[in-house]
Amino acid sequence: MSTHTTSNVVDQAADSAHTAIRATQDAANGALDRLSNRVDTIRDTASPKLDRWSAQAEAAARRSVEALRDTSQHVRESALRASDATIGYVKDEPVKSMLIAAATGAALMGLLTLMMRSRRD
């Protein structure tokens, strides 16, 4: 083979390699562009959903706090009414109230005594 022929073969091989590299780069760039477009599409689709879910979670938390506050207020009012009713009953029926308190205390002491005995046995 002559030098000229060898040079042509080398040039053709270099051109073929360059063409293959360029085709590979183009294919990779195209694939990356498609992937980038898909990521953008997913982000555009997911972002409103995430915003909506976040808003719903925040609203649910706010409703829970409000419900807890309302329940707490109702419990406080019920306890105050029960306390006022108890005070009124004690004022209206002092002897009866003392007898009920003594009977309740005796019943509690009896239960405590039974519990202590059963633990010892």
PDB file of N, CA and C in Angstrom:
ATOM      1  N   MET A   1       0.833  -1.158   0.000  1.00  0.00           N
ATOM      2  CA  MET A   1       0.000   0.000   0.000  1.00  0.00           C
ATOM      3  C   MET A   1       0.890   1.237   0.000  1.00  0.00           C
ATOM      4  N   SER A   2       0.444   2.230  -0.688  1.00  0.00           N
ATOM      5  CA  SER A   2       1.257   3.428  -0.774  1.00  0.00           C
ATOM      6  C   SER A   2       0.923   4.364   0.370  1.00  0.00           C
ATOM      7  N   THR A   3       1.723   5.352   0.537  1.00  0.00           N
ATOM      8  CA  THR A   3       1.539   6.326   1.603  1.00  0.00           C
ATOM      9  C   THR A   3       0.247   7.099   1.379  1.00  0.00           C
ATOM     10  N   HIS A   4      -0.022   7.363   0.129  1.00  0.00           N
ATOM     11  CA  HIS A   4      -1.235   8.101  -0.198  1.00  0.00           C
ATOM     12  C   HIS A   4      -2.475   7.281   0.152  1.00  0.00           C
ATOM     13  N   THR A   5      -2.464   6.003  -0.124  1.00  0.00           N
ATOM     14  CA  THR A   5      -3.584   5.122   0.176  1.00  0.00           C
ATOM     15  C   THR A   5      -3.738   4.977   1.676  1.00  0.00           C
ATOM     16  N   THR A   6      -2.626   4.825   2.354  1.00  0.00           N
ATOM     17  CA  THR A   6      -2.664   4.695   3.808  1.00  0.00           C
ATOM     18  C   THR A   6      -3.232   5.965   4.429  1.00  0.00           C
ATOM     19  N   SER A   7      -2.831   7.079   3.896  1.00  0.00           N
ATOM     20  CA  SER A   7      -3.306   8.360   4.401  1.00  0.00           C
ATOM     21  C   SER A   7      -4.811   8.481   4.179  1.00  0.00           C
ATOM     22  N   ASN A   8      -5.321   8.030   3.041  1.00  0.00           N
ATOM     23  CA  ASN A   8      -6.759   8.063   2.763  1.00  0.00           C
ATOM     24  C   ASN A   8      -7.528   7.150   3.711  1.00  0.00           C
ATOM     25  N   VAL A   9      -6.983   5.984   3.996  1.00  0.00           N
ATOM     26  CA  VAL A   9      -7.643   5.041   4.910  1.00  0.00           C
ATOM     27  C   VAL A   9      -7.701   5.646   6.305  1.00  0.00           C
ATOM     28  N   VAL A  10      -6.608   6.260   6.718  1.00  0.00           N
ATOM     29  CA  VAL A  10      -6.559   6.883   8.048  1.00  0.00           C
ATOM     30  C   VAL A  10      -7.540   8.045   8.096  1.00  0.00           C
ATOM     31  N   ASP A  11      -7.579   8.857   7.047  1.00  0.00           N
ATOM     32  CA  ASP A  11      -8.519   9.980   7.005  1.00  0.00           C
ATOM     33  C   ASP A  11      -9.966   9.497   7.032  1.00  0.00           C
ATOM     34  N   GLN A  12     -10.255   8.438   6.305  1.00  0.00           N
ATOM     35  CA  GLN A  12     -11.615   7.882   6.286  1.00  0.00           C
ATOM     36  C   GLN A  12     -11.986   7.317   7.661  1.00  0.00           C
ATOM     37  N   ALA A  13     -11.009   6.650   8.302  1.00  0.00           N
ATOM     38  CA  ALA A  13     -11.268   6.108   9.640  1.00  0.00           C
ATOM     39  C   ALA A  13     -11.504   7.241  10.629  1.00  0.00           C
ATOM     40  N   ALA A  14     -10.711   8.307  10.525  1.00  0.00           N
ATOM     41  CA  ALA A  14     -10.886   9.466  11.408  1.00  0.00           C
ATOM     42  C   ALA A  14     -12.228  10.122  11.155  1.00  0.00           C
ATOM     43  N   ASP A  15     -12.606  10.260   9.885  1.00  0.00           N
ATOM     44  CA  ASP A  15     -13.909  10.844   9.553  1.00  0.00           C
ATOM     45  C   ASP A  15     -15.048   9.976  10.081  1.00  0.00           C
ATOM     46  N   SER A  16     -14.898   8.669   9.952  1.00  0.00           N
ATOM     47  CA  SER A  16     -15.924   7.745  10.450  1.00  0.00           C
ATOM     48  C   SER A  16     -16.032   7.846  11.970  1.00  0.00           C
ATOM     49  N   ALA A  17     -14.881   7.907  12.643  1.00  0.00           N
ATOM     50  CA  ALA A  17     -14.888   8.027  14.112  1.00  0.00           C
ATOM     51  C   ALA A  17     -15.518   9.346  14.524  1.00  0.00           C
ATOM     52  N   HIS A  18     -15.158  10.424  13.814  1.00  0.00           N
ATOM     53  CA  HIS A  18     -15.717  11.738  14.118  1.00  0.00           C
ATOM     54  C   HIS A  18     -17.235  11.740  13.895  1.00  0.00           C
ATOM     55  N   THR A  19     -17.678  11.134  12.821  1.00  0.00           N
ATOM     56  CA  THR A  19     -19.107  11.042  12.528  1.00  0.00           C
ATOM     57  C   THR A  19     -19.829  10.228  13.601  1.00  0.00           C
ATOM     58  N   ALA A  20     -19.211   9.122  14.024  1.00  0.00           N
ATOM     59  CA  ALA A  20     -19.819   8.278  15.062  1.00  0.00           C
ATOM     60  C   ALA A  20     -19.892   9.034  16.387  1.00  0.00           C
ATOM     61  N   ILE A  21     -18.816   9.748  16.719  1.00  0.00           N
ATOM     62  CA  ILE A  21     -18.805  10.530  17.966  1.00  0.00           C
ATOM     63  C   ILE A  21     -19.876  11.615  17.904  1.00  0.00           C
ATOM     64  N   ARG A  22     -19.976  12.297  16.784  1.00  0.00           N
ATOM     65  CA  ARG A  22     -20.959  13.364  16.615  1.00  0.00           C
ATOM     66  C   ARG A  22     -22.387  12.801  16.702  1.00  0.00           C
ATOM     67  N   ALA A  23     -22.612  11.651  16.098  1.00  0.00           N
ATOM     68  CA  ALA A  23     -23.937  11.022  16.155  1.00  0.00           C
ATOM     69  C   ALA A  23     -24.271  10.620  17.594  1.00  0.00           C
ATOM     70  N   THR A  24     -23.270  10.115  18.311  1.00  0.00           N
ATOM     71  CA  THR A  24     -23.477   9.731  19.715  1.00  0.00           C
ATOM     72  C   THR A  24     -23.785  10.963  20.557  1.00  0.00           C
ATOM     73  N   GLN A  25     -23.038  12.058  20.313  1.00  0.00           N
ATOM     74  CA  GLN A  25     -23.300  13.298  21.048  1.00  0.00           C
ATOM     75  C   GLN A  25     -24.700  13.822  20.759  1.00  0.00           C
ATOM     76  N   ASP A  26     -25.091  13.783  19.498  1.00  0.00           N
ATOM     77  CA  ASP A  26     -26.437  14.249  19.127  1.00  0.00           C
ATOM     78  C   ASP A  26     -27.516  13.398  19.788  1.00  0.00           C
ATOM     79  N   ALA A  27     -27.300  12.073  19.790  1.00  0.00           N
ATOM     80  CA  ALA A  27     -28.277  11.175  20.414  1.00  0.00           C
ATOM     81  C   ALA A  27     -28.354  11.437  21.924  1.00  0.00           C
ATOM     82  N   ALA A  28     -27.185  11.638  22.556  1.00  0.00           N
ATOM     83  CA  ALA A  28     -27.160  11.905  23.996  1.00  0.00           C
ATOM     84  C   ALA A  28     -27.835  13.243  24.294  1.00  0.00           C
ATOM     85  N   ASN A  29     -27.540  14.264  23.494  1.00  0.00           N
ATOM     86  CA  ASN A  29     -28.176  15.570  23.696  1.00  0.00           C
ATOM     87  C   ASN A  29     -29.687  15.477  23.517  1.00  0.00           C
ATOM     88  N   GLY A  30     -30.107  14.731  22.504  1.00  0.00           N
ATOM     89  CA  GLY A  30     -31.549  14.552  22.297  1.00  0.00           C
ATOM     90  C   GLY A  30     -32.200  13.839  23.471  1.00  0.00           C
ATOM     91  N   ALA A  31     -31.546  12.802  23.960  1.00  0.00           N
ATOM     92  CA  ALA A  31     -32.088  12.063  25.102  1.00  0.00           C
ATOM     93  C   ALA A  31     -32.152  12.958  26.344  1.00  0.00           C
ATOM     94  N   LEU A  32     -31.102  13.760  26.578  1.00  0.00           N
ATOM     95  CA  LEU A  32     -31.094  14.667  27.731  1.00  0.00           C
ATOM     96  C   LEU A  32     -32.159  15.752  27.587  1.00  0.00           C
ATOM     97  N   ASP A  33     -32.366  16.244  26.375  1.00  0.00           N
ATOM     98  CA  ASP A  33     -33.427  17.231  26.149  1.00  0.00           C
ATOM     99  C   ASP A  33     -34.802  16.638  26.443  1.00  0.00           C
ATOM    100  N   ARG A  34     -35.042  15.418  25.979  1.00  0.00           N
ATOM    101  CA  ARG A  34     -36.330  14.752  26.241  1.00  0.00           C
ATOM    102  C   ARG A  34     -36.519  14.525  27.745  1.00  0.00           C
ATOM    103  N   LEU A  35     -35.445  14.095  28.401  1.00  0.00           N
ATOM    104  CA  LEU A  35     -35.515  13.876  29.848  1.00  0.00           C
ATOM    105  C   LEU A  35     -35.784  15.183  30.578  1.00  0.00           C
ATOM    106  N   SER A  36     -35.112  16.242  30.161  1.00  0.00           N
ATOM    107  CA  SER A  36     -35.333  17.550  30.769  1.00  0.00           C
ATOM    108  C   SER A  36     -36.776  18.004  30.578  1.00  0.00           C
ATOM    109  N   ASN A  37     -37.311  17.786  29.382  1.00  0.00           N
ATOM    110  CA  ASN A  37     -38.712  18.153  29.125  1.00  0.00           C
ATOM    111  C   ASN A  37     -39.665  17.346  29.992  1.00  0.00           C
ATOM    112  N   ARG A  38     -39.371  16.077  30.165  1.00  0.00           N
ATOM    113  CA  ARG A  38     -40.230  15.238  31.022  1.00  0.00           C
ATOM    114  C   ARG A  38     -40.169  15.707  32.469  1.00  0.00           C
ATOM    115  N   VAL A  39     -38.967  16.037  32.943  1.00  0.00           N
ATOM    116  CA  VAL A  39     -38.825  16.529  34.318  1.00  0.00           C
ATOM    117  C   VAL A  39     -39.607  17.826  34.488  1.00  0.00           C
ATOM    118  N   ASP A  40     -39.501  18.730  33.505  1.00  0.00           N
ATOM    119  CA  ASP A  40     -40.256  19.982  33.567  1.00  0.00           C
ATOM    120  C   ASP A  40     -41.758  19.722  33.590  1.00  0.00           C
ATOM    121  N   THR A  41     -42.217  18.784  32.777  1.00  0.00           N
ATOM    122  CA  THR A  41     -43.638  18.440  32.740  1.00  0.00           C
ATOM    123  C   THR A  41     -44.091  17.869  34.077  1.00  0.00           C
ATOM    124  N   ILE A  42     -43.286  16.984  34.642  1.00  0.00           N
ATOM    125  CA  ILE A  42     -43.633  16.387  35.942  1.00  0.00           C
ATOM    126  C   ILE A  42     -43.660  17.462  37.019  1.00  0.00           C
ATOM    127  N   ARG A  43     -42.670  18.348  36.990  1.00  0.00           N
ATOM    128  CA  ARG A  43     -42.617  19.424  37.982  1.00  0.00           C
ATOM    129  C   ARG A  43     -43.837  20.318  37.844  1.00  0.00           C
ATOM    130  N   ASP A  44     -44.188  20.666  36.597  1.00  0.00           N
ATOM    131  CA  ASP A  44     -45.352  21.523  36.366  1.00  0.00           C
ATOM    132  C   ASP A  44     -46.643  20.849  36.810  1.00  0.00           C
ATOM    133  N   THR A  45     -46.715  19.536  36.661  1.00  0.00           N
ATOM    134  CA  THR A  45     -47.897  18.785  37.072  1.00  0.00           C
ATOM    135  C   THR A  45     -47.937  18.596  38.583  1.00  0.00           C
ATOM    136  N   ALA A  46     -46.786  18.290  39.160  1.00  0.00           N
ATOM    137  CA  ALA A  46     -46.738  17.962  40.594  1.00  0.00           C
ATOM    138  C   ALA A  46     -46.831  19.202  41.471  1.00  0.00           C
ATOM    139  N   SER A  47     -46.273  20.302  41.047  1.00  0.00           N
ATOM    140  CA  SER A  47     -46.237  21.501  41.885  1.00  0.00           C
ATOM    141  C   SER A  47     -47.622  21.965  42.324  1.00  0.00           C
ATOM    142  N   PRO A  48     -48.599  22.085  41.424  1.00  0.00           N
ATOM    143  CA  PRO A  48     -49.938  22.483  41.884  1.00  0.00           C
ATOM    144  C   PRO A  48     -50.557  21.463  42.841  1.00  0.00           C
ATOM    145  N   LYS A  49     -50.301  20.177  42.577  1.00  0.00           N
ATOM    146  CA  LYS A  49     -50.838  19.148  43.477  1.00  0.00           C
ATOM    147  C   LYS A  49     -50.219  19.285  44.861  1.00  0.00           C
ATOM    148  N   LEU A  50     -48.898  19.481  44.916  1.00  0.00           N
ATOM    149  CA  LEU A  50     -48.237  19.646  46.215  1.00  0.00           C
ATOM    150  C   LEU A  50     -48.742  20.895  46.929  1.00  0.00           C
ATOM    151  N   ASP A  51     -48.935  21.966  46.180  1.00  0.00           N
ATOM    152  CA  ASP A  51     -49.472  23.194  46.780  1.00  0.00           C
ATOM    153  C   ASP A  51     -50.877  22.952  47.328  1.00  0.00           C
ATOM    154  N   ARG A  52     -51.692  22.231  46.555  1.00  0.00           N
ATOM    155  CA  ARG A  52     -53.065  21.950  46.994  1.00  0.00           C
ATOM    156  C   ARG A  52     -53.059  21.062  48.241  1.00  0.00           C
ATOM    157  N   TRP A  53     -52.196  20.018  48.237  1.00  0.00           N
ATOM    158  CA  TRP A  53     -52.120  19.135  49.412  1.00  0.00           C
ATOM    159  C   TRP A  53     -51.625  19.897  50.630  1.00  0.00           C
ATOM    160  N   SER A  54     -50.674  20.772  50.432  1.00  0.00           N
ATOM    161  CA  SER A  54     -50.152  21.566  51.537  1.00  0.00           C
ATOM    162  C   SER A  54     -51.242  22.465  52.105  1.00  0.00           C
ATOM    163  N   ALA A  55     -51.998  23.096  51.227  1.00  0.00           N
ATOM    164  CA  ALA A  55     -53.097  23.959  51.679  1.00  0.00           C
ATOM    165  C   ALA A  55     -54.159  23.145  52.419  1.00  0.00           C
ATOM    166  N   GLN A  56     -54.466  21.949  51.915  1.00  0.00           N
ATOM    167  CA  GLN A  56     -55.458  21.098  52.581  1.00  0.00           C
ATOM    168  C   GLN A  56     -54.968  20.666  53.956  1.00  0.00           C
ATOM    169  N   ALA A  57     -53.689  20.317  54.053  1.00  0.00           N
ATOM    170  CA  ALA A  57     -53.124  19.905  55.352  1.00  0.00           C
ATOM    171  C   ALA A  57     -53.143  21.075  56.334  1.00  0.00           C
ATOM    172  N   GLU A  58     -52.826  22.259  55.848  1.00  0.00           N
ATOM    173  CA  GLU A  58     -52.852  23.438  56.710  1.00  0.00           C
ATOM    174  C   GLU A  58     -54.267  23.741  57.182  1.00  0.00           C
ATOM    175  N   ALA A  59     -55.232  23.628  56.284  1.00  0.00           N
ATOM    176  CA  ALA A  59     -56.636  23.875  56.653  1.00  0.00           C
ATOM    177  C   ALA A  59     -57.119  22.838  57.666  1.00  0.00           C
ATOM    178  N   ALA A  60     -56.730  21.579  57.473  1.00  0.00           N
ATOM    179  CA  ALA A  60     -57.122  20.526  58.427  1.00  0.00           C
ATOM    180  C   ALA A  60     -56.504  20.788  59.787  1.00  0.00           C
ATOM    181  N   ALA A  61     -55.253  21.215  59.813  1.00  0.00           N
ATOM    182  CA  ALA A  61     -54.602  21.518  61.090  1.00  0.00           C
ATOM    183  C   ALA A  61     -55.302  22.687  61.775  1.00  0.00           C
ATOM    184  N   ARG A  62     -55.669  23.699  61.003  1.00  0.00           N
ATOM    185  CA  ARG A  62     -56.361  24.856  61.563  1.00  0.00           C
ATOM    186  C   ARG A  62     -57.713  24.437  62.144  1.00  0.00           C
ATOM    187  N   ARG A  63     -58.457  23.585  61.392  1.00  0.00           N
ATOM    188  CA  ARG A  63     -59.756  23.112  61.898  1.00  0.00           C
ATOM    189  C   ARG A  63     -59.586  22.304  63.172  1.00  0.00           C
ATOM    190  N   SER A  64     -58.534  21.488  63.244  1.00  0.00           N
ATOM    191  CA  SER A  64     -58.289  20.678  64.442  1.00  0.00           C
ATOM    192  C   SER A  64     -58.004  21.555  65.647  1.00  0.00           C
ATOM    193  N   VAL A  65     -57.200  22.597  65.438  1.00  0.00           N
ATOM    194  CA  VAL A  65     -56.893  23.513  66.549  1.00  0.00           C
ATOM    195  C   VAL A  65     -58.162  24.222  67.013  1.00  0.00           C
ATOM    196  N   GLU A  66     -58.990  24.658  66.062  1.00  0.00           N
ATOM    197  CA  GLU A  66     -60.242  25.326  66.422  1.00  0.00           C
ATOM    198  C   GLU A  66     -61.178  24.375  67.169  1.00  0.00           C
ATOM    199  N   ALA A  67     -61.273  23.131  66.714  1.00  0.00           N
ATOM    200  CA  ALA A  67     -62.131  22.149  67.383  1.00  0.00           C
ATOM    201  C   ALA A  67     -61.625  21.870  68.789  1.00  0.00           C
ATOM    202  N   LEU A  68     -60.304  21.769  68.936  1.00  0.00           N
ATOM    203  CA  LEU A  68     -59.725  21.539  70.263  1.00  0.00           C
ATOM    204  C   LEU A  68     -60.006  22.717  71.185  1.00  0.00           C
ATOM    205  N   ARG A  69     -59.890  23.921  70.638  1.00  0.00           N
ATOM    206  CA  ARG A  69     -60.167  25.119  71.442  1.00  0.00           C
ATOM    207  C   ARG A  69     -61.631  25.139  71.867  1.00  0.00           C
ATOM    208  N   ASP A  70     -62.541  24.812  70.934  1.00  0.00           N
ATOM    209  CA  ASP A  70     -63.977  24.793  71.273  1.00  0.00           C
ATOM    210  C   ASP A  70     -64.280  23.729  72.317  1.00  0.00           C
ATOM    211  N   THR A  71     -63.712  22.543  72.153  1.00  0.00           N
ATOM    212  CA  THR A  71     -63.942  21.458  73.110  1.00  0.00           C
ATOM    213  C   THR A  71     -63.413  21.849  74.485  1.00  0.00           C
ATOM    214  N   SER A  72     -62.234  22.441  74.512  1.00  0.00           N
ATOM    215  CA  SER A  72     -61.648  22.874  75.778  1.00  0.00           C
ATOM    216  C   SER A  72     -62.547  23.895  76.465  1.00  0.00           C
ATOM    217  N   GLN A  73     -63.088  24.828  75.686  1.00  0.00           N
ATOM    218  CA  GLN A  73     -63.984  25.837  76.242  1.00  0.00           C
ATOM    219  C   GLN A  73     -65.254  25.185  76.795  1.00  0.00           C
ATOM    220  N   HIS A  74     -65.812  24.206  76.084  1.00  0.00           N
ATOM    221  CA  HIS A  74     -67.023  23.516  76.560  1.00  0.00           C
ATOM    222  C   HIS A  74     -66.739  22.745  77.851  1.00  0.00           C
ATOM    223  N   VAL A  75     -65.603  22.076  77.913  1.00  0.00           N
ATOM    224  CA  VAL A  75     -65.245  21.328  79.122  1.00  0.00           C
ATOM    225  C   VAL A  75     -65.089  22.288  80.295  1.00  0.00           C
ATOM    226  N   ARG A  76     -64.423  23.418  80.053  1.00  0.00           N
ATOM    227  CA  ARG A  76     -64.228  24.414  81.116  1.00  0.00           C
ATOM    228  C   ARG A  76     -65.575  24.929  81.611  1.00  0.00           C
ATOM    229  N   GLU A  77     -66.490  25.220  80.672  1.00  0.00           N
ATOM    230  CA  GLU A  77     -67.825  25.713  81.058  1.00  0.00           C
ATOM    231  C   GLU A  77     -68.606  24.650  81.815  1.00  0.00           C
ATOM    232  N   SER A  78     -68.508  23.396  81.388  1.00  0.00           N
ATOM    233  CA  SER A  78     -69.213  22.306  82.092  1.00  0.00           C
ATOM    234  C   SER A  78     -68.676  22.130  83.500  1.00  0.00           C
ATOM    235  N   ALA A  79     -67.363  22.202  83.645  1.00  0.00           N
ATOM    236  CA  ALA A  79     -66.765  22.068  84.979  1.00  0.00           C
ATOM    237  C   ALA A  79     -67.205  23.220  85.876  1.00  0.00           C
ATOM    238  N   LEU A  80     -67.275  24.422  85.330  1.00  0.00           N
ATOM    239  CA  LEU A  80     -67.714  25.577  86.113  1.00  0.00           C
ATOM    240  C   LEU A  80     -69.175  25.422  86.535  1.00  0.00           C
ATOM    241  N   ARG A  81     -70.020  24.939  85.596  1.00  0.00           N
ATOM    242  CA  ARG A  81     -71.434  24.711  85.956  1.00  0.00           C
ATOM    243  C   ARG A  81     -71.561  23.640  87.045  1.00  0.00           C
ATOM    244  N   ALA A  82     -70.792  22.561  86.926  1.00  0.00           N
ATOM    245  CA  ALA A  82     -70.837  21.497  87.933  1.00  0.00           C
ATOM    246  C   ALA A  82     -70.364  22.029  89.283  1.00  0.00           C
ATOM    247  N   SER A  83     -69.330  22.837  89.268  1.00  0.00           N
ATOM    248  CA  SER A  83     -68.828  23.420  90.520  1.00  0.00           C
ATOM    249  C   SER A  83     -69.874  24.340  91.148  1.00  0.00           C
ATOM    250  N   ASP A  84     -70.494  25.174  90.313  1.00  0.00           N
ATOM    251  CA  ASP A  84     -71.543  26.072  90.829  1.00  0.00           C
ATOM    252  C   ASP A  84     -72.730  25.277  91.374  1.00  0.00           C
ATOM    253  N   ALA A  85     -73.103  24.199  90.680  1.00  0.00           N
ATOM    254  CA  ALA A  85     -74.224  23.372  91.141  1.00  0.00           C
ATOM    255  C   ALA A  85     -73.881  22.703  92.467  1.00  0.00           C
ATOM    256  N   THR A  86     -72.633  22.230  92.601  1.00  0.00           N
ATOM    257  CA  THR A  86     -72.215  21.582  93.851  1.00  0.00           C
ATOM    258  C   THR A  86     -72.226  22.583  95.000  1.00  0.00           C
ATOM    259  N   ILE A  87     -71.709  23.769  94.745  1.00  0.00           N
ATOM    260  CA  ILE A  87     -71.704  24.803  95.797  1.00  0.00           C
ATOM    261  C   ILE A  87     -73.132  25.166  96.184  1.00  0.00           C
ATOM    262  N   GLY A  88     -74.004  25.296  95.183  1.00  0.00           N
ATOM    263  CA  GLY A  88     -75.407  25.605  95.471  1.00  0.00           C
ATOM    264  C   GLY A  88     -76.067  24.501  96.286  1.00  0.00           C
ATOM    265  N   TYR A  89     -75.780  23.238  95.962  1.00  0.00           N
ATOM    266  CA  TYR A  89     -76.367  22.115  96.694  1.00  0.00           C
ATOM    267  C   TYR A  89     -75.877  22.105  98.140  1.00  0.00           C
ATOM    268  N   VAL A  90     -74.579  22.370  98.318  1.00  0.00           N
ATOM    269  CA  VAL A  90     -74.026  22.378  99.685  1.00  0.00           C
ATOM    270  C   VAL A  90     -74.650  23.505 100.492  1.00  0.00           C
ATOM    271  N   LYS A  91     -74.870  24.655  99.877  1.00  0.00           N
ATOM    272  CA  LYS A  91     -75.508  25.777 100.592  1.00  0.00           C
ATOM    273  C   LYS A  91     -76.961  25.450 100.935  1.00  0.00           C
ATOM    274  N   ASP A  92     -77.663  24.801  99.996  1.00  0.00           N
ATOM    275  CA  ASP A  92     -79.075  24.496 100.215  1.00  0.00           C
ATOM    276  C   ASP A  92     -79.275  23.321 101.175  1.00  0.00           C
ATOM    277  N   GLU A  93     -78.408  22.333 101.127  1.00  0.00           N
ATOM    278  CA  GLU A  93     -78.551  21.107 101.927  1.00  0.00           C
ATOM    279  C   GLU A  93     -77.234  20.804 102.662  1.00  0.00           C
ATOM    280  N   PRO A  94     -76.850  21.602 103.661  1.00  0.00           N
ATOM    281  CA  PRO A  94     -75.549  21.383 104.307  1.00  0.00           C
ATOM    282  C   PRO A  94     -75.443  20.043 105.046  1.00  0.00           C
ATOM    283  N   VAL A  95     -76.471  19.630 105.729  1.00  0.00           N
ATOM    284  CA  VAL A  95     -76.412  18.377 106.501  1.00  0.00           C
ATOM    285  C   VAL A  95     -76.350  17.191 105.528  1.00  0.00           C
ATOM    286  N   LYS A  96     -77.204  17.206 104.546  1.00  0.00           N
ATOM    287  CA  LYS A  96     -77.228  16.138 103.565  1.00  0.00           C
ATOM    288  C   LYS A  96     -75.877  16.056 102.833  1.00  0.00           C
ATOM    289  N   SER A  97     -75.302  17.201 102.500  1.00  0.00           N
ATOM    290  CA  SER A  97     -74.012  17.236 101.821  1.00  0.00           C
ATOM    291  C   SER A  97     -72.919  16.618 102.672  1.00  0.00           C
ATOM    292  N   MET A  98     -72.937  16.910 103.979  1.00  0.00           N
ATOM    293  CA  MET A  98     -71.939  16.343 104.905  1.00  0.00           C
ATOM    294  C   MET A  98     -72.102  14.831 105.000  1.00  0.00           C
ATOM    295  N   LEU A  99     -73.340  14.352 105.057  1.00  0.00           N
ATOM    296  CA  LEU A  99     -73.583  12.914 105.128  1.00  0.00           C
ATOM    297  C   LEU A  99     -73.122  12.211 103.839  1.00  0.00           C
ATOM    298  N   ILE A 100     -73.396  12.827 102.687  1.00  0.00           N
ATOM    299  CA  ILE A 100     -72.957  12.249 101.407  1.00  0.00           C
ATOM    300  C   ILE A 100     -71.431  12.210 101.357  1.00  0.00           C
ATOM    301  N   ALA A 101     -70.769  13.284 101.782  1.00  0.00           N
ATOM    302  CA  ALA A 101     -69.299  13.340 101.773  1.00  0.00           C
ATOM    303  C   ALA A 101     -68.727  12.282 102.705  1.00  0.00           C
ATOM    304  N   ALA A 102     -69.337  12.107 103.885  1.00  0.00           N
ATOM    305  CA  ALA A 102     -68.852  11.104 104.840  1.00  0.00           C
ATOM    306  C   ALA A 102     -69.051   9.697 104.283  1.00  0.00           C
ATOM    307  N   ALA A 103     -70.188   9.447 103.660  1.00  0.00           N
ATOM    308  CA  ALA A 103     -70.454   8.123 103.093  1.00  0.00           C
ATOM    309  C   ALA A 103     -69.487   7.840 101.940  1.00  0.00           C
ATOM    310  N   THR A 104     -69.235   8.825 101.121  1.00  0.00           N
ATOM    311  CA  THR A 104     -68.290   8.656 100.011  1.00  0.00           C
ATOM    312  C   THR A 104     -66.896   8.366 100.542  1.00  0.00           C
ATOM    313  N   GLY A 105     -66.465   9.114 101.562  1.00  0.00           N
ATOM    314  CA  GLY A 105     -65.145   8.880 102.174  1.00  0.00           C
ATOM    315  C   GLY A 105     -65.050   7.485 102.760  1.00  0.00           C
ATOM    316  N   ALA A 106     -66.106   7.032 103.435  1.00  0.00           N
ATOM    317  CA  ALA A 106     -66.097   5.701 104.028  1.00  0.00           C
ATOM    318  C   ALA A 106     -66.029   4.625 102.944  1.00  0.00           C
ATOM    319  N   ALA A 107     -66.771   4.833 101.852  1.00  0.00           N
ATOM    320  CA  ALA A 107     -66.744   3.856 100.758  1.00  0.00           C
ATOM    321  C   ALA A 107     -65.349   3.786 100.132  1.00  0.00           C
ATOM    322  N   LEU A 108     -64.721   4.919  99.942  1.00  0.00           N
ATOM    323  CA  LEU A 108     -63.360   4.935  99.395  1.00  0.00           C
ATOM    324  C   LEU A 108     -62.365   4.254 100.327  1.00  0.00           C
ATOM    325  N   MET A 109     -62.493   4.492 101.604  1.00  0.00           N
ATOM    326  CA  MET A 109     -61.590   3.837 102.572  1.00  0.00           C
ATOM    327  C   MET A 109     -61.801   2.324 102.563  1.00  0.00           C
ATOM    328  N   GLY A 110     -63.067   1.913 102.452  1.00  0.00           N
ATOM    329  CA  GLY A 110     -63.357   0.483 102.382  1.00  0.00           C
ATOM    330  C   GLY A 110     -62.718  -0.148 101.141  1.00  0.00           C
ATOM    331  N   LEU A 111     -62.817   0.511  99.994  1.00  0.00           N
ATOM    332  CA  LEU A 111     -62.195   0.011  98.764  1.00  0.00           C
ATOM    333  C   LEU A 111     -60.670  -0.047  98.899  1.00  0.00           C
ATOM    334  N   LEU A 112     -60.092   0.976  99.472  1.00  0.00           N
ATOM    335  CA  LEU A 112     -58.638   0.982  99.672  1.00  0.00           C
ATOM    336  C   LEU A 112     -58.185  -0.161 100.577  1.00  0.00           C
ATOM    337  N   THR A 113     -58.952  -0.376 101.642  1.00  0.00           N
ATOM    338  CA  THR A 113     -58.614  -1.460 102.573  1.00  0.00           C
ATOM    339  C   THR A 113     -58.679  -2.805 101.867  1.00  0.00           C
ATOM    340  N   LEU A 114     -59.731  -3.042 101.049  1.00  0.00           N
ATOM    341  CA  LEU A 114     -59.853  -4.288 100.308  1.00  0.00           C
ATOM    342  C   LEU A 114     -58.694  -4.464  99.328  1.00  0.00           C
ATOM    343  N   MET A 115     -58.322  -3.390  98.667  1.00  0.00           N
ATOM    344  CA  MET A 115     -57.220  -3.464  97.703  1.00  0.00           C
ATOM    345  C   MET A 115     -55.892  -3.780  98.406  1.00  0.00           C
ATOM    346  N   MET A 116     -55.682  -3.192  99.551  1.00  0.00           N
ATOM    347  CA  MET A 116     -54.442  -3.441 100.280  1.00  0.00           C
ATOM    348  C   MET A 116     -54.381  -4.885 100.780  1.00  0.00           C
ATOM    349  N   ARG A 117     -55.499  -5.416 101.226  1.00  0.00           N
ATOM    350  CA  ARG A 117     -55.538  -6.808 101.694  1.00  0.00           C
ATOM    351  C   ARG A 117     -55.270  -7.777 100.539  1.00  0.00           C
ATOM    352  N   SER A 118     -55.884  -7.488  99.367  1.00  0.00           N
ATOM    353  CA  SER A 118     -55.695  -8.408  98.241  1.00  0.00           C
ATOM    354  C   SER A 118     -54.257  -8.389  97.752  1.00  0.00           C
ATOM    355  N   ARG A 119     -53.565  -7.294  97.903  1.00  0.00           N
ATOM    356  CA  ARG A 119     -52.138  -7.241  97.541  1.00  0.00           C
ATOM    357  C   ARG A 119     -51.274  -8.036  98.496  1.00  0.00           C
ATOM    358  N   ARG A 120     -51.645  -8.012  99.762  1.00  0.00           N
ATOM    359  CA  ARG A 120     -50.869  -8.768 100.754  1.00  0.00           C
ATOM    360  C   ARG A 120     -51.063 -10.260 100.600  1.00  0.00           C
ATOM    361  N   ASP A 121     -52.241 -10.661 100.124  1.00  0.00           N
ATOM    362  CA  ASP A 121     -52.550 -12.099  99.990  1.00  0.00           C
ATOM    363  C   ASP A 121     -51.986 -12.667  98.761  1.00  0.00           C
TER     364      ASP A 121
END
